[in-house]
């Protein structure tokens, strides 16, 4: 993988992380079309670093919310920020369980599984289409809702299922206000991404990147370039997505997912 490939992947990650069209699915499609011969571990590693970049862009965009949450936590007493943080913690549990128990199986999904990506994109489109048809309400995220949304996030680990699409779509189907659903969706992923990065830093694969760039087929410089472009485009896309959520136009993304999903299936079938 060269620097141009990393730039392309970074831009795609930054754009698709916040738009409900599956960043991981698009990354797999682009790597397949580019002919990137990466192992499951290297592909998953690159994807993780790109997600880390967009997690940082989320913090920058929601810096006031993050600051308020941290201040509320350090008051060490019951308040709105503490309650919201508990809901985020509850939403993390399903993804953590799946990530720990099925780590090796998940790695196998990040290496040319184009048929899976296509099918999951179509599944994402269905969720978005149904969510767009639901009634607009002002409902808050409850503790029970947080767990259900967390399950949606765990399922969205599969490439092709949009994490933001699954979590926002599920939230809207549960009757939660669209903007509040988007805010919760963007903030709930931050601890997951940082937890994943911490896990990778302590792993053998992370050490290999610095000691032997050929072992995983990817160098530190390439990762950094992808990281920078993912952060910059993610910062812009996050703010754009907030604007789109307020306009309640999820069906547009569902049509896009249907088209790309079917094209991916056709491409894989005849190639």
Foldseek 3Di string as FASTA:
>chain_A
DDQVLLLVLLLLLLQPLQQQQFSLLVSLVSCVVVVPPFALVLLVVLVLLSVLLLLVLLCVLCVVLVVVLVVVVVVVDDDPSVQLVVLLVLLQVLQVVCCVPCVVVLSVLNHNPLLQLLVLLLVLLVLLVVLLPADADADAQDSVNSNVLSNQQNVSSRGNGRNLSSQLSSCSVVVHHLLNSSNSSSVSCSVVSVVVVVVLCPDPVVVCQVVPVPVRDHHPVSSVSSSVSNNVSNNVNNVVSSVVSVVSDSNVSSVVSNVVSVVSNVVVVVD
